[in-house]
C-alpha cells in the first residue's frame, strides 16, 4: 500500500491500463485484497466505468472477488450497472457465475437488467 500511496503522490495515472488481464489499476486493486488501495484510487478520481481487460470493468472485477462493500462504493461513484464487456459479458453474469447471490441482488436493486 505504501508503494501505491507514493505513486499516487507522485502523480501516477490512475486510469492507465497495466495489463490485458487487469484492465486498469482499479481492477488490479480488487485482487490485492487491500480495500484501502481501492479507496485511494477512488479518491483520486479513477474512472469506475473504464473498459478493458478480461474482467471488462471494475464492477465486474469486484463482483468476481465477492467484495460487497467495494461494489457499494462503486455504485456511489456511479458505476454503470449494465456495462457490457469482459469474459462474463456483464457484472450480473459474473455474480451469477461466482454464486454471489447477495451481491447479485444488490446489483439488481441498482437497476441492472436481468
Protein backbone atom coordinates (compact mmCIF):
# COMPACT_ATOMS: atom_id res chain seq x y z
CA UNK A 1 0.00 0.00 0.00
CA UNK A 2 2.87 2.38 0.70
CA UNK A 3 4.13 1.97 -2.86
CA UNK A 4 0.68 2.79 -4.24
CA UNK A 5 0.42 5.83 -1.99
CA UNK A 6 3.85 7.03 -3.15
CA UNK A 7 2.97 6.54 -6.81
CA UNK A 8 -0.26 8.48 -6.37
CA UNK A 9 1.57 11.29 -4.57
CA UNK A 10 4.00 11.46 -7.49
CA UNK A 11 1.11 11.80 -9.96
CA UNK A 12 0.73 8.29 -11.33
CA UNK A 13 -2.06 8.00 -13.91
CA UNK A 14 -4.80 6.03 -12.14
CA UNK A 15 -6.51 5.25 -15.44
CA UNK A 16 -3.56 3.58 -17.11
CA UNK A 17 -4.23 0.06 -18.37
CA UNK A 18 -1.37 -2.03 -16.96
CA UNK A 19 -2.11 -5.45 -18.43
CA UNK A 20 -4.60 -7.12 -20.78
CA UNK A 21 -5.84 -9.25 -17.86
CA UNK A 22 -6.44 -6.44 -15.38
CA UNK A 23 -7.78 -3.58 -17.46
CA UNK A 24 -6.75 -0.78 -15.12
CA UNK A 25 -5.33 -0.05 -11.68
CA UNK A 26 -8.75 -0.22 -10.04
CA UNK A 27 -9.44 -3.69 -11.40
CA UNK A 28 -5.99 -4.85 -10.33
CA UNK A 29 -6.56 -3.43 -6.83
CA UNK A 30 -9.53 -5.74 -6.25
CA UNK A 31 -7.20 -8.71 -6.45
CA UNK A 32 -4.76 -7.28 -3.90
CA UNK A 33 -7.27 -7.83 -1.08
CA UNK A 34 -6.40 -4.36 0.19
CA UNK A 35 -9.53 -2.23 0.20
CA UNK A 36 -7.52 0.82 1.21
CA UNK A 37 -5.85 0.81 -2.22
CA UNK A 38 -9.30 0.74 -3.84
CA UNK A 39 -10.38 3.68 -1.69
CA UNK A 40 -7.23 5.66 -2.55
CA UNK A 41 -7.82 5.14 -6.27
CA UNK A 42 -11.46 6.18 -5.95
CA UNK A 43 -10.43 9.30 -4.05
CA UNK A 44 -8.03 10.15 -6.89
CA UNK A 45 -10.88 10.03 -9.39
CA UNK A 46 -10.18 6.75 -11.15
CA UNK A 47 -12.70 6.09 -13.95
CA UNK A 48 -15.01 3.47 -12.42
CA UNK A 49 -16.51 2.77 -15.84
CA UNK A 50 -13.27 2.27 -17.77
CA UNK A 51 -13.48 -0.72 -20.07
CA UNK A 52 -10.71 -3.22 -20.66
CA UNK A 53 -9.05 -6.37 -19.52
CA UNK A 54 -10.54 -9.80 -19.05
CA UNK A 55 -12.99 -8.51 -16.45
CA UNK A 56 -14.43 -5.80 -18.68
CA UNK A 57 -14.82 -3.19 -15.96
CA UNK A 58 -14.29 -2.53 -12.27
CA UNK A 59 -17.78 -3.58 -11.24
CA UNK A 60 -17.37 -6.99 -12.84
CA UNK A 61 -13.97 -7.45 -11.18
CA UNK A 62 -15.42 -6.51 -7.77
CA UNK A 63 -18.26 -8.99 -8.25
CA UNK A 64 -15.81 -11.75 -9.08
CA UNK A 65 -13.97 -11.09 -5.84
CA UNK A 66 -17.21 -11.01 -3.82
CA UNK A 67 -16.40 -7.61 -2.35
CA UNK A 68 -19.84 -6.31 -1.39
CA UNK A 69 -18.56 -3.16 0.34
CA UNK A 70 -16.46 -2.26 -2.72
CA UNK A 71 -19.43 -2.90 -5.01
CA UNK A 72 -21.42 -0.44 -2.91
CA UNK A 73 -18.62 2.13 -3.22
CA UNK A 74 -18.67 1.71 -6.99
CA UNK A 75 -22.42 2.33 -7.05
CA UNK A 76 -21.85 5.53 -5.05
CA UNK A 77 -19.27 6.55 -7.66
CA UNK A 78 -21.86 5.97 -10.43
CA UNK A 79 -20.57 2.70 -11.83
CA UNK A 80 -22.59 1.67 -14.89
CA UNK A 81 -24.60 -1.30 -13.65
CA UNK A 82 -25.35 -2.50 -17.17
CA UNK A 83 -21.89 -2.08 -18.73
CA UNK A 84 -21.06 -4.85 -21.18
CA UNK A 85 -17.70 -6.49 -21.78
CA UNK A 86 -15.20 -8.85 -20.27
CA UNK A 87 -15.21 -12.60 -20.09
CA UNK A 88 -18.64 -12.78 -18.40
CA UNK A 89 -20.39 -10.15 -20.51
CA UNK A 90 -21.50 -8.02 -17.56
CA UNK A 91 -21.30 -7.81 -13.78
CA UNK A 92 -24.64 -9.51 -13.19
CA UNK A 93 -23.47 -12.62 -15.05
CA UNK A 94 -20.18 -12.54 -13.13
CA UNK A 95 -22.13 -12.53 -9.86
CA UNK A 96 -24.26 -15.45 -11.04
CA UNK A 97 -21.23 -17.49 -12.11
CA UNK A 98 -19.49 -16.97 -8.79
CA UNK A 99 -22.71 -17.58 -6.85
CA UNK A 100 -22.59 -14.18 -5.17
CA UNK A 101 -26.37 -14.02 -4.62
CA UNK A 102 -26.29 -11.18 -2.10
CA UNK A 103 -24.21 -9.03 -4.44
CA UNK A 104 -26.40 -10.01 -7.41
CA UNK A 105 -29.49 -8.83 -5.52
CA UNK A 106 -27.71 -5.58 -4.63
CA UNK A 107 -26.89 -5.12 -8.30
CA UNK A 108 -30.49 -5.72 -9.36
CA UNK A 109 -31.57 -3.17 -6.76
CA UNK A 110 -29.45 -0.57 -8.54
CA UNK A 111 -31.20 -1.06 -11.86
CA UNK A 112 -29.29 -3.88 -13.54
CA UNK A 113 -31.12 -5.52 -16.41
CA UNK A 114 -31.53 -9.28 -15.79
